[in-house]
Amino acid sequence: MEFVKMTEFFFKNWAEFFFFVLMIVGFIVSIFAPSAFISYIVIFLSGFIGGRLLYDRKQKLQFPYYIIIAGFLVGYVIGVYYGSRQVVIILFILGVLLSYHLHNKEIIRDVLY
């Protein structure tokens, strides 16, 4: 009976669950970045992955994925030690936008398509 309640809770709140999980992952990843330059590269590439995810979901349910991606960014910004938090946010957004645009123009393609 408890298992059914837990699965029902998970299926209703999966976006919040993954927001929290990726927030922790983002925090841990940012803690292990040894310099500002590495931090900036990691967050830009993470934004690139986020842009690819949003492109993949462009005709489907999107809002939960914005929440999940924001979770990673929040965790990363909280944990960034080297570098500017504003630069981290800007690079992440630039990575998302660049990746989305390159996928949309089919300059970058997924192997499965």
PDB file of N, CA and C in Angstrom:
ATOM      1  N   MET A   1       0.816  -1.188   0.000  1.00  0.00           N
ATOM      2  CA  MET A   1       0.000   0.000   0.000  1.00  0.00           C
ATOM      3  C   MET A   1       0.867   1.262   0.000  1.00  0.00           C
ATOM      4  N   GLU A   2       1.927   1.254   0.798  1.00  0.00           N
ATOM      5  CA  GLU A   2       2.829   2.403   0.841  1.00  0.00           C
ATOM      6  C   GLU A   2       3.547   2.589  -0.490  1.00  0.00           C
ATOM      7  N   PHE A   3       3.884   1.482  -1.130  1.00  0.00           N
ATOM      8  CA  PHE A   3       4.571   1.551  -2.414  1.00  0.00           C
ATOM      9  C   PHE A   3       3.685   2.235  -3.453  1.00  0.00           C
ATOM     10  N   VAL A   4       2.405   1.924  -3.435  1.00  0.00           N
ATOM     11  CA  VAL A   4       1.478   2.541  -4.381  1.00  0.00           C
ATOM     12  C   VAL A   4       1.395   4.045  -4.137  1.00  0.00           C
ATOM     13  N   LYS A   5       1.380   4.453  -2.888  1.00  0.00           N
ATOM     14  CA  LYS A   5       1.335   5.881  -2.559  1.00  0.00           C
ATOM     15  C   LYS A   5       2.622   6.576  -3.004  1.00  0.00           C
ATOM     16  N   MET A   6       3.749   5.896  -2.823  1.00  0.00           N
ATOM     17  CA  MET A   6       5.025   6.488  -3.225  1.00  0.00           C
ATOM     18  C   MET A   6       5.110   6.635  -4.736  1.00  0.00           C
ATOM     19  N   THR A   7       4.689   5.624  -5.475  1.00  0.00           N
ATOM     20  CA  THR A   7       4.744   5.718  -6.939  1.00  0.00           C
ATOM     21  C   THR A   7       3.770   6.766  -7.450  1.00  0.00           C
ATOM     22  N   GLU A   8       2.606   6.860  -6.818  1.00  0.00           N
ATOM     23  CA  GLU A   8       1.644   7.890  -7.210  1.00  0.00           C
ATOM     24  C   GLU A   8       2.222   9.278  -6.952  1.00  0.00           C
ATOM     25  N   PHE A   9       2.878   9.451  -5.816  1.00  0.00           N
ATOM     26  CA  PHE A   9       3.521  10.723  -5.492  1.00  0.00           C
ATOM     27  C   PHE A   9       4.612  11.041  -6.507  1.00  0.00           C
ATOM     28  N   PHE A  10       5.416  10.028  -6.868  1.00  0.00           N
ATOM     29  CA  PHE A  10       6.511  10.246  -7.810  1.00  0.00           C
ATOM     30  C   PHE A  10       5.980  10.660  -9.176  1.00  0.00           C
ATOM     31  N   PHE A  11       4.945   9.973  -9.666  1.00  0.00           N
ATOM     32  CA  PHE A  11       4.430  10.288 -10.989  1.00  0.00           C
ATOM     33  C   PHE A  11       3.739  11.644 -11.048  1.00  0.00           C
ATOM     34  N   LYS A  12       3.245  12.117  -9.928  1.00  0.00           N
ATOM     35  CA  LYS A  12       2.644  13.450  -9.892  1.00  0.00           C
ATOM     36  C   LYS A  12       3.706  14.536  -9.756  1.00  0.00           C
ATOM     37  N   ASN A  13       4.835  14.223  -9.133  1.00  0.00           N
ATOM     38  CA  ASN A  13       5.851  15.230  -8.810  1.00  0.00           C
ATOM     39  C   ASN A  13       7.222  14.889  -9.379  1.00  0.00           C
ATOM     40  N   TRP A  14       7.269  14.260 -10.521  1.00  0.00           N
ATOM     41  CA  TRP A  14       8.559  13.831 -11.065  1.00  0.00           C
ATOM     42  C   TRP A  14       9.450  15.010 -11.427  1.00  0.00           C
ATOM     43  N   ALA A  15       8.885  16.111 -11.900  1.00  0.00           N
ATOM     44  CA  ALA A  15       9.716  17.261 -12.284  1.00  0.00           C
ATOM     45  C   ALA A  15      10.407  17.862 -11.062  1.00  0.00           C
ATOM     46  N   GLU A  16       9.686  17.966  -9.960  1.00  0.00           N
ATOM     47  CA  GLU A  16      10.282  18.506  -8.735  1.00  0.00           C
ATOM     48  C   GLU A  16      11.361  17.581  -8.193  1.00  0.00           C
ATOM     49  N   PHE A  17      11.127  16.272  -8.313  1.00  0.00           N
ATOM     50  CA  PHE A  17      12.120  15.295  -7.875  1.00  0.00           C
ATOM     51  C   PHE A  17      13.420  15.462  -8.657  1.00  0.00           C
ATOM     52  N   PHE A  18      13.305  15.533  -9.990  1.00  0.00           N
ATOM     53  CA  PHE A  18      14.501  15.667 -10.816  1.00  0.00           C
ATOM     54  C   PHE A  18      15.128  17.052 -10.681  1.00  0.00           C
ATOM     55  N   PHE A  19      14.319  18.093 -10.390  1.00  0.00           N
ATOM     56  CA  PHE A  19      14.873  19.405 -10.076  1.00  0.00           C
ATOM     57  C   PHE A  19      15.824  19.284  -8.893  1.00  0.00           C
ATOM     58  N   PHE A  20      15.368  18.635  -7.843  1.00  0.00           N
ATOM     59  CA  PHE A  20      16.178  18.477  -6.639  1.00  0.00           C
ATOM     60  C   PHE A  20      17.423  17.631  -6.906  1.00  0.00           C
ATOM     61  N   VAL A  21      17.254  16.527  -7.625  1.00  0.00           N
ATOM     62  CA  VAL A  21      18.390  15.641  -7.934  1.00  0.00           C
ATOM     63  C   VAL A  21      19.437  16.389  -8.756  1.00  0.00           C
ATOM     64  N   LEU A  22      18.998  17.098  -9.793  1.00  0.00           N
ATOM     65  CA  LEU A  22      19.961  17.814 -10.631  1.00  0.00           C
ATOM     66  C   LEU A  22      20.537  19.028  -9.925  1.00  0.00           C
ATOM     67  N   MET A  23      19.810  19.584  -8.969  1.00  0.00           N
ATOM     68  CA  MET A  23      20.375  20.663  -8.175  1.00  0.00           C
ATOM     69  C   MET A  23      21.560  20.140  -7.364  1.00  0.00           C
ATOM     70  N   ILE A  24      21.419  18.969  -6.796  1.00  0.00           N
ATOM     71  CA  ILE A  24      22.516  18.349  -6.038  1.00  0.00           C
ATOM     72  C   ILE A  24      23.668  17.991  -6.981  1.00  0.00           C
ATOM     73  N   VAL A  25      23.345  17.442  -8.145  1.00  0.00           N
ATOM     74  CA  VAL A  25      24.385  17.090  -9.120  1.00  0.00           C
ATOM     75  C   VAL A  25      25.132  18.346  -9.568  1.00  0.00           C
ATOM     76  N   GLY A  26      24.401  19.417  -9.865  1.00  0.00           N
ATOM     77  CA  GLY A  26      25.036  20.677 -10.265  1.00  0.00           C
ATOM     78  C   GLY A  26      25.944  21.219  -9.178  1.00  0.00           C
ATOM     79  N   PHE A  27      25.511  21.122  -7.934  1.00  0.00           N
ATOM     80  CA  PHE A  27      26.325  21.578  -6.815  1.00  0.00           C
ATOM     81  C   PHE A  27      27.616  20.769  -6.723  1.00  0.00           C
ATOM     82  N   ILE A  28      27.503  19.455  -6.822  1.00  0.00           N
ATOM     83  CA  ILE A  28      28.677  18.579  -6.730  1.00  0.00           C
ATOM     84  C   ILE A  28      29.635  18.828  -7.888  1.00  0.00           C
ATOM     85  N   VAL A  29      29.101  18.959  -9.094  1.00  0.00           N
ATOM     86  CA  VAL A  29      29.959  19.219 -10.260  1.00  0.00           C
ATOM     87  C   VAL A  29      30.704  20.537 -10.090  1.00  0.00           C
ATOM     88  N   SER A  30      30.014  21.564  -9.603  1.00  0.00           N
ATOM     89  CA  SER A  30      30.666  22.866  -9.458  1.00  0.00           C
ATOM     90  C   SER A  30      31.724  22.858  -8.365  1.00  0.00           C
ATOM     91  N   ILE A  31      31.527  22.056  -7.338  1.00  0.00           N
ATOM     92  CA  ILE A  31      32.518  21.957  -6.265  1.00  0.00           C
ATOM     93  C   ILE A  31      33.836  21.392  -6.794  1.00  0.00           C
ATOM     94  N   PHE A  32      33.756  20.462  -7.741  1.00  0.00           N
ATOM     95  CA  PHE A  32      34.968  19.812  -8.246  1.00  0.00           C
ATOM     96  C   PHE A  32      35.644  20.552  -9.389  1.00  0.00           C
ATOM     97  N   ALA A  33      35.098  21.680  -9.811  1.00  0.00           N
ATOM     98  CA  ALA A  33      35.760  22.472 -10.855  1.00  0.00           C
ATOM     99  C   ALA A  33      36.943  23.213 -10.228  1.00  0.00           C
ATOM    100  N   PRO A  34      38.175  22.936 -10.690  1.00  0.00           N
ATOM    101  CA  PRO A  34      39.361  23.481 -10.014  1.00  0.00           C
ATOM    102  C   PRO A  34      39.683  24.933 -10.344  1.00  0.00           C
ATOM    103  N   SER A  35      39.032  25.516 -11.356  1.00  0.00           N
ATOM    104  CA  SER A  35      39.339  26.905 -11.707  1.00  0.00           C
ATOM    105  C   SER A  35      38.110  27.547 -12.347  1.00  0.00           C
ATOM    106  N   ALA A  36      38.173  28.862 -12.494  1.00  0.00           N
ATOM    107  CA  ALA A  36      37.061  29.583 -13.113  1.00  0.00           C
ATOM    108  C   ALA A  36      36.906  29.169 -14.573  1.00  0.00           C
ATOM    109  N   PHE A  37      38.005  28.990 -15.272  1.00  0.00           N
ATOM    110  CA  PHE A  37      37.955  28.605 -16.683  1.00  0.00           C
ATOM    111  C   PHE A  37      37.259  27.254 -16.858  1.00  0.00           C
ATOM    112  N   ILE A  38      37.630  26.274 -16.054  1.00  0.00           N
ATOM    113  CA  ILE A  38      36.998  24.952 -16.115  1.00  0.00           C
ATOM    114  C   ILE A  38      35.517  25.079 -15.749  1.00  0.00           C
ATOM    115  N   SER A  39      35.213  25.888 -14.763  1.00  0.00           N
ATOM    116  CA  SER A  39      33.823  26.116 -14.355  1.00  0.00           C
ATOM    117  C   SER A  39      33.010  26.679 -15.519  1.00  0.00           C
ATOM    118  N   TYR A  40      33.578  27.621 -16.232  1.00  0.00           N
ATOM    119  CA  TYR A  40      32.884  28.234 -17.355  1.00  0.00           C
ATOM    120  C   TYR A  40      32.685  27.244 -18.504  1.00  0.00           C
ATOM    121  N   ILE A  41      33.682  26.432 -18.770  1.00  0.00           N
ATOM    122  CA  ILE A  41      33.549  25.433 -19.838  1.00  0.00           C
ATOM    123  C   ILE A  41      32.475  24.405 -19.478  1.00  0.00           C
ATOM    124  N   VAL A  42      32.493  23.940 -18.240  1.00  0.00           N
ATOM    125  CA  VAL A  42      31.522  22.931 -17.800  1.00  0.00           C
ATOM    126  C   VAL A  42      30.100  23.484 -17.882  1.00  0.00           C
ATOM    127  N   ILE A  43      29.881  24.701 -17.442  1.00  0.00           N
ATOM    128  CA  ILE A  43      28.517  25.252 -17.455  1.00  0.00           C
ATOM    129  C   ILE A  43      28.069  25.544 -18.884  1.00  0.00           C
ATOM    130  N   PHE A  44      28.977  25.973 -19.760  1.00  0.00           N
ATOM    131  CA  PHE A  44      28.606  26.197 -21.159  1.00  0.00           C
ATOM    132  C   PHE A  44      28.202  24.882 -21.823  1.00  0.00           C
ATOM    133  N   LEU A  45      28.984  23.833 -21.597  1.00  0.00           N
ATOM    134  CA  LEU A  45      28.650  22.525 -22.168  1.00  0.00           C
ATOM    135  C   LEU A  45      27.374  21.955 -21.553  1.00  0.00           C
ATOM    136  N   SER A  46      27.141  22.232 -20.292  1.00  0.00           N
ATOM    137  CA  SER A  46      25.892  21.813 -19.656  1.00  0.00           C
ATOM    138  C   SER A  46      24.709  22.542 -20.286  1.00  0.00           C
ATOM    139  N   GLY A  47      24.881  23.811 -20.582  1.00  0.00           N
ATOM    140  CA  GLY A  47      23.852  24.557 -21.290  1.00  0.00           C
ATOM    141  C   GLY A  47      23.614  23.991 -22.676  1.00  0.00           C
ATOM    142  N   PHE A  48      24.678  23.546 -23.308  1.00  0.00           N
ATOM    143  CA  PHE A  48      24.568  22.930 -24.629  1.00  0.00           C
ATOM    144  C   PHE A  48      23.702  21.670 -24.553  1.00  0.00           C
ATOM    145  N   ILE A  49      23.901  20.876 -23.528  1.00  0.00           N
ATOM    146  CA  ILE A  49      23.089  19.670 -23.330  1.00  0.00           C
ATOM    147  C   ILE A  49      21.640  20.056 -23.039  1.00  0.00           C
ATOM    148  N   GLY A  50      21.451  21.103 -22.249  1.00  0.00           N
ATOM    149  CA  GLY A  50      20.100  21.579 -21.964  1.00  0.00           C
ATOM    150  C   GLY A  50      19.386  22.056 -23.223  1.00  0.00           C
ATOM    151  N   GLY A  51      20.091  22.727 -24.095  1.00  0.00           N
ATOM    152  CA  GLY A  51      19.506  23.178 -25.355  1.00  0.00           C
ATOM    153  C   GLY A  51      19.116  22.022 -26.246  1.00  0.00           C
ATOM    154  N   ARG A  52      19.903  20.982 -26.236  1.00  0.00           N
ATOM    155  CA  ARG A  52      19.580  19.794 -27.015  1.00  0.00           C
ATOM    156  C   ARG A  52      18.337  19.119 -26.462  1.00  0.00           C
ATOM    157  N   LEU A  53      18.220  19.060 -25.147  1.00  0.00           N
ATOM    158  CA  LEU A  53      17.038  18.475 -24.518  1.00  0.00           C
ATOM    159  C   LEU A  53      15.789  19.283 -24.852  1.00  0.00           C
ATOM    160  N   LEU A  54      15.883  20.596 -24.786  1.00  0.00           N
ATOM    161  CA  LEU A  54      14.729  21.433 -25.108  1.00  0.00           C
ATOM    162  C   LEU A  54      14.355  21.319 -26.580  1.00  0.00           C
ATOM    163  N   TYR A  55      15.353  21.201 -27.453  1.00  0.00           N
ATOM    164  CA  TYR A  55      15.057  21.010 -28.878  1.00  0.00           C
ATOM    165  C   TYR A  55      14.340  19.682 -29.096  1.00  0.00           C
ATOM    166  N   ASP A  56      14.796  18.658 -28.424  1.00  0.00           N
ATOM    167  CA  ASP A  56      14.185  17.341 -28.570  1.00  0.00           C
ATOM    168  C   ASP A  56      12.731  17.357 -28.104  1.00  0.00           C
ATOM    169  N   ARG A  57      12.422  18.168 -27.129  1.00  0.00           N
ATOM    170  CA  ARG A  57      11.070  18.220 -26.564  1.00  0.00           C
ATOM    171  C   ARG A  57      10.239  19.365 -27.140  1.00  0.00           C
ATOM    172  N   LYS A  58      10.639  19.960 -28.245  1.00  0.00           N
ATOM    173  CA  LYS A  58       9.985  21.185 -28.696  1.00  0.00           C
ATOM    174  C   LYS A  58       8.528  20.984 -29.105  1.00  0.00           C
ATOM    175  N   GLN A  59       8.138  19.820 -29.548  1.00  0.00           N
ATOM    176  CA  GLN A  59       6.748  19.567 -29.933  1.00  0.00           C
ATOM    177  C   GLN A  59       5.984  18.819 -28.848  1.00  0.00           C
ATOM    178  N   LYS A  60       6.620  18.611 -27.703  1.00  0.00           N
ATOM    179  CA  LYS A  60       6.011  17.827 -26.633  1.00  0.00           C
ATOM    180  C   LYS A  60       5.943  18.668 -25.369  1.00  0.00           C
ATOM    181  N   LEU A  61       5.641  18.025 -24.272  1.00  0.00           N
ATOM    182  CA  LEU A  61       5.567  18.680 -22.975  1.00  0.00           C
ATOM    183  C   LEU A  61       6.913  19.302 -22.630  1.00  0.00           C
ATOM    184  N   GLN A  62       6.943  20.622 -22.385  1.00  0.00           N
ATOM    185  CA  GLN A  62       8.215  21.308 -22.184  1.00  0.00           C
ATOM    186  C   GLN A  62       8.437  21.856 -20.785  1.00  0.00           C
ATOM    187  N   PHE A  63       7.429  22.417 -20.163  1.00  0.00           N
ATOM    188  CA  PHE A  63       7.639  23.173 -18.931  1.00  0.00           C
ATOM    189  C   PHE A  63       8.381  22.398 -17.843  1.00  0.00           C
ATOM    190  N   PRO A  64       8.060  21.117 -17.605  1.00  0.00           N
ATOM    191  CA  PRO A  64       8.827  20.395 -16.581  1.00  0.00           C
ATOM    192  C   PRO A  64      10.320  20.326 -16.886  1.00  0.00           C
ATOM    193  N   TYR A  65      10.674  20.320 -18.157  1.00  0.00           N
ATOM    194  CA  TYR A  65      12.085  20.247 -18.520  1.00  0.00           C
ATOM    195  C   TYR A  65      12.795  21.577 -18.248  1.00  0.00           C
ATOM    196  N   TYR A  66      12.080  22.681 -18.376  1.00  0.00           N
ATOM    197  CA  TYR A  66      12.654  23.969 -17.971  1.00  0.00           C
ATOM    198  C   TYR A  66      12.951  23.965 -16.476  1.00  0.00           C
ATOM    199  N   ILE A  67      12.034  23.409 -15.704  1.00  0.00           N
ATOM    200  CA  ILE A  67      12.229  23.330 -14.254  1.00  0.00           C
ATOM    201  C   ILE A  67      13.441  22.464 -13.922  1.00  0.00           C
ATOM    202  N   ILE A  68      13.552  21.324 -14.583  1.00  0.00           N
ATOM    203  CA  ILE A  68      14.649  20.395 -14.319  1.00  0.00           C
ATOM    204  C   ILE A  68      15.997  21.029 -14.689  1.00  0.00           C
ATOM    205  N   ILE A  69      16.054  21.670 -15.840  1.00  0.00           N
ATOM    206  CA  ILE A  69      17.291  22.319 -16.274  1.00  0.00           C
ATOM    207  C   ILE A  69      17.652  23.459 -15.323  1.00  0.00           C
ATOM    208  N   ALA A  70      16.648  24.193 -14.876  1.00  0.00           N
ATOM    209  CA  ALA A  70      16.893  25.270 -13.915  1.00  0.00           C
ATOM    210  C   ALA A  70      17.442  24.709 -12.607  1.00  0.00           C
ATOM    211  N   GLY A  71      17.038  23.506 -12.241  1.00  0.00           N
ATOM    212  CA  GLY A  71      17.565  22.872 -11.035  1.00  0.00           C
ATOM    213  C   GLY A  71      19.062  22.674 -11.107  1.00  0.00           C
ATOM    214  N   PHE A  72      19.546  22.210 -12.249  1.00  0.00           N
ATOM    215  CA  PHE A  72      20.986  22.040 -12.408  1.00  0.00           C
ATOM    216  C   PHE A  72      21.690  23.388 -12.298  1.00  0.00           C
ATOM    217  N   LEU A  73      21.136  24.396 -12.964  1.00  0.00           N
ATOM    218  CA  LEU A  73      21.756  25.724 -12.934  1.00  0.00           C
ATOM    219  C   LEU A  73      21.784  26.293 -11.521  1.00  0.00           C
ATOM    220  N   VAL A  74      20.698  26.145 -10.780  1.00  0.00           N
ATOM    221  CA  VAL A  74      20.653  26.650  -9.403  1.00  0.00           C
ATOM    222  C   VAL A  74      21.715  25.961  -8.550  1.00  0.00           C
ATOM    223  N   GLY A  75      21.802  24.644  -8.650  1.00  0.00           N
ATOM    224  CA  GLY A  75      22.810  23.913  -7.892  1.00  0.00           C
ATOM    225  C   GLY A  75      24.215  24.322  -8.267  1.00  0.00           C
ATOM    226  N   TYR A  76      24.454  24.525  -9.548  1.00  0.00           N
ATOM    227  CA  TYR A  76      25.786  24.913 -10.002  1.00  0.00           C
ATOM    228  C   TYR A  76      26.143  26.308  -9.500  1.00  0.00           C
ATOM    229  N   VAL A  77      25.191  27.219  -9.585  1.00  0.00           N
ATOM    230  CA  VAL A  77      25.445  28.595  -9.137  1.00  0.00           C
ATOM    231  C   VAL A  77      25.698  28.628  -7.628  1.00  0.00           C
ATOM    232  N   ILE A  78      24.964  27.829  -6.884  1.00  0.00           N
ATOM    233  CA  ILE A  78      25.179  27.780  -5.430  1.00  0.00           C
ATOM    234  C   ILE A  78      26.585  27.287  -5.111  1.00  0.00           C
ATOM    235  N   GLY A  79      27.063  26.301  -5.856  1.00  0.00           N
ATOM    236  CA  GLY A  79      28.341  25.677  -5.539  1.00  0.00           C
ATOM    237  C   GLY A  79      29.560  26.283  -6.191  1.00  0.00           C
ATOM    238  N   VAL A  80      29.377  27.204  -7.135  1.00  0.00           N
ATOM    239  CA  VAL A  80      30.533  27.742  -7.843  1.00  0.00           C
ATOM    240  C   VAL A  80      31.399  28.547  -6.865  1.00  0.00           C
ATOM    241  N   TYR A  81      32.666  28.178  -6.832  1.00  0.00           N
ATOM    242  CA  TYR A  81      33.606  28.835  -5.933  1.00  0.00           C
ATOM    243  C   TYR A  81      34.523  29.772  -6.703  1.00  0.00           C
ATOM    244  N   TYR A  82      34.986  29.289  -7.840  1.00  0.00           N
ATOM    245  CA  TYR A  82      35.856  30.097  -8.692  1.00  0.00           C
ATOM    246  C   TYR A  82      35.014  30.691  -9.808  1.00  0.00           C
ATOM    247  N   GLY A  83      35.162  31.963 -10.031  1.00  0.00           N
ATOM    248  CA  GLY A  83      34.442  32.609 -11.121  1.00  0.00           C
ATOM    249  C   GLY A  83      33.222  33.372 -10.639  1.00  0.00           C
ATOM    250  N   SER A  84      32.641  34.079 -11.562  1.00  0.00           N
ATOM    251  CA  SER A  84      31.491  34.930 -11.281  1.00  0.00           C
ATOM    252  C   SER A  84      30.183  34.176 -11.505  1.00  0.00           C
ATOM    253  N   ARG A  85      29.253  34.338 -10.598  1.00  0.00           N
ATOM    254  CA  ARG A  85      27.947  33.690 -10.740  1.00  0.00           C
ATOM    255  C   ARG A  85      27.179  34.263 -11.937  1.00  0.00           C
ATOM    256  N   GLN A  86      27.331  35.550 -12.188  1.00  0.00           N
ATOM    257  CA  GLN A  86      26.658  36.164 -13.330  1.00  0.00           C
ATOM    258  C   GLN A  86      27.184  35.603 -14.643  1.00  0.00           C
ATOM    259  N   VAL A  87      28.484  35.418 -14.734  1.00  0.00           N
ATOM    260  CA  VAL A  87      29.082  34.847 -15.945  1.00  0.00           C
ATOM    261  C   VAL A  87      28.608  33.411 -16.126  1.00  0.00           C
ATOM    262  N   VAL A  88      28.488  32.669 -15.042  1.00  0.00           N
ATOM    263  CA  VAL A  88      28.007  31.288 -15.112  1.00  0.00           C
ATOM    264  C   VAL A  88      26.595  31.255 -15.683  1.00  0.00           C
ATOM    265  N   ILE A  89      25.724  32.117 -15.200  1.00  0.00           N
ATOM    266  CA  ILE A  89      24.341  32.148 -15.687  1.00  0.00           C
ATOM    267  C   ILE A  89      24.291  32.546 -17.162  1.00  0.00           C
ATOM    268  N   ILE A  90      25.072  33.551 -17.525  1.00  0.00           N
ATOM    269  CA  ILE A  90      25.094  34.008 -18.920  1.00  0.00           C
ATOM    270  C   ILE A  90      25.627  32.911 -19.842  1.00  0.00           C
ATOM    271  N   LEU A  91      26.709  32.246 -19.457  1.00  0.00           N
ATOM    272  CA  LEU A  91      27.262  31.173 -20.295  1.00  0.00           C
ATOM    273  C   LEU A  91      26.299  30.003 -20.424  1.00  0.00           C
ATOM    274  N   PHE A  92      25.582  29.692 -19.362  1.00  0.00           N
ATOM    275  CA  PHE A  92      24.604  28.618 -19.432  1.00  0.00           C
ATOM    276  C   PHE A  92      23.492  28.963 -20.419  1.00  0.00           C
ATOM    277  N   ILE A  93      22.983  30.165 -20.318  1.00  0.00           N
ATOM    278  CA  ILE A  93      21.908  30.590 -21.223  1.00  0.00           C
ATOM    279  C   ILE A  93      22.407  30.649 -22.665  1.00  0.00           C
ATOM    280  N   LEU A  94      23.624  31.141 -22.859  1.00  0.00           N
ATOM    281  CA  LEU A  94      24.204  31.160 -24.210  1.00  0.00           C
ATOM    282  C   LEU A  94      24.386  29.750 -24.762  1.00  0.00           C
ATOM    283  N   GLY A  95      24.801  28.817 -23.921  1.00  0.00           N
ATOM    284  CA  GLY A  95      24.941  27.426 -24.349  1.00  0.00           C
ATOM    285  C   GLY A  95      23.612  26.823 -24.759  1.00  0.00           C
ATOM    286  N   VAL A  96      22.567  27.092 -23.983  1.00  0.00           N
ATOM    287  CA  VAL A  96      21.231  26.587 -24.322  1.00  0.00           C
ATOM    288  C   VAL A  96      20.764  27.173 -25.648  1.00  0.00           C
ATOM    289  N   LEU A  97      20.884  28.485 -25.789  1.00  0.00           N
ATOM    290  CA  LEU A  97      20.413  29.140 -27.015  1.00  0.00           C
ATOM    291  C   LEU A  97      21.203  28.702 -28.241  1.00  0.00           C
ATOM    292  N   LEU A  98      22.522  28.612 -28.114  1.00  0.00           N
ATOM    293  CA  LEU A  98      23.352  28.192 -29.245  1.00  0.00           C
ATOM    294  C   LEU A  98      23.033  26.760 -29.655  1.00  0.00           C
ATOM    295  N   SER A  99      22.926  25.883 -28.696  1.00  0.00           N
ATOM    296  CA  SER A  99      22.628  24.488 -28.991  1.00  0.00           C
ATOM    297  C   SER A  99      21.256  24.345 -29.648  1.00  0.00           C
ATOM    298  N   TYR A 100      20.263  25.023 -29.099  1.00  0.00           N
ATOM    299  CA  TYR A 100      18.913  24.964 -29.665  1.00  0.00           C
ATOM    300  C   TYR A 100      18.917  25.467 -31.106  1.00  0.00           C
ATOM    301  N   HIS A 101      19.598  26.575 -31.341  1.00  0.00           N
ATOM    302  CA  HIS A 101      19.661  27.151 -32.686  1.00  0.00           C
ATOM    303  C   HIS A 101      20.385  26.222 -33.663  1.00  0.00           C
ATOM    304  N   LEU A 102      21.503  25.649 -33.243  1.00  0.00           N
ATOM    305  CA  LEU A 102      22.256  24.748 -34.126  1.00  0.00           C
ATOM    306  C   LEU A 102      21.471  23.482 -34.437  1.00  0.00           C
ATOM    307  N   HIS A 103      20.725  22.968 -33.458  1.00  0.00           N
ATOM    308  CA  HIS A 103      19.877  21.804 -33.714  1.00  0.00           C
ATOM    309  C   HIS A 103      18.707  22.178 -34.615  1.00  0.00           C
ATOM    310  N   ASN A 104      18.138  23.345 -34.410  1.00  0.00           N
ATOM    311  CA  ASN A 104      16.996  23.786 -35.193  1.00  0.00           C
ATOM    312  C   ASN A 104      17.372  24.000 -36.660  1.00  0.00           C
ATOM    313  N   LYS A 105      18.558  24.520 -36.920  1.00  0.00           N
ATOM    314  CA  LYS A 105      19.049  24.725 -38.290  1.00  0.00           C
ATOM    315  C   LYS A 105      19.656  23.452 -38.873  1.00  0.00           C
ATOM    316  N   GLU A 106      19.652  22.375 -38.104  1.00  0.00           N
ATOM    317  CA  GLU A 106      20.199  21.065 -38.479  1.00  0.00           C
ATOM    318  C   GLU A 106      21.683  21.119 -38.803  1.00  0.00           C
ATOM    319  N   ILE A 107      22.389  22.031 -38.184  1.00  0.00           N
ATOM    320  CA  ILE A 107      23.848  22.057 -38.285  1.00  0.00           C
ATOM    321  C   ILE A 107      24.413  20.932 -37.432  1.00  0.00           C
ATOM    322  N   ILE A 108      23.756  20.709 -36.295  1.00  0.00           N
ATOM    323  CA  ILE A 108      24.080  19.573 -35.427  1.00  0.00           C
ATOM    324  C   ILE A 108      22.884  18.637 -35.468  1.00  0.00           C
ATOM    325  N   ARG A 109      23.146  17.366 -35.675  1.00  0.00           N
ATOM    326  CA  ARG A 109      22.071  16.387 -35.713  1.00  0.00           C
ATOM    327  C   ARG A 109      22.303  15.322 -34.666  1.00  0.00           C
ATOM    328  N   ASP A 110      21.207  14.787 -34.215  1.00  0.00           N
ATOM    329  CA  ASP A 110      21.283  13.658 -33.318  1.00  0.00           C
ATOM    330  C   ASP A 110      21.535  12.402 -34.133  1.00  0.00           C
ATOM    331  N   VAL A 111      22.272  11.477 -33.589  1.00  0.00           N
ATOM    332  CA  VAL A 111      22.602  10.249 -34.299  1.00  0.00           C
ATOM    333  C   VAL A 111      21.359   9.424 -34.564  1.00  0.00           C
ATOM    334  N   LEU A 112      20.378   9.510 -33.686  1.00  0.00           N
ATOM    335  CA  LEU A 112      19.191   8.673 -33.806  1.00  0.00           C
ATOM    336  C   LEU A 112      18.222   9.168 -34.877  1.00  0.00           C
ATOM    337  N   TYR A 113      18.368  10.394 -35.337  1.00  0.00           N
ATOM    338  CA  TYR A 113      17.416  10.917 -36.326  1.00  0.00           C
ATOM    339  C   TYR A 113      17.959  10.761 -37.690  1.00  0.00           C
TER     340      TYR A 113
END
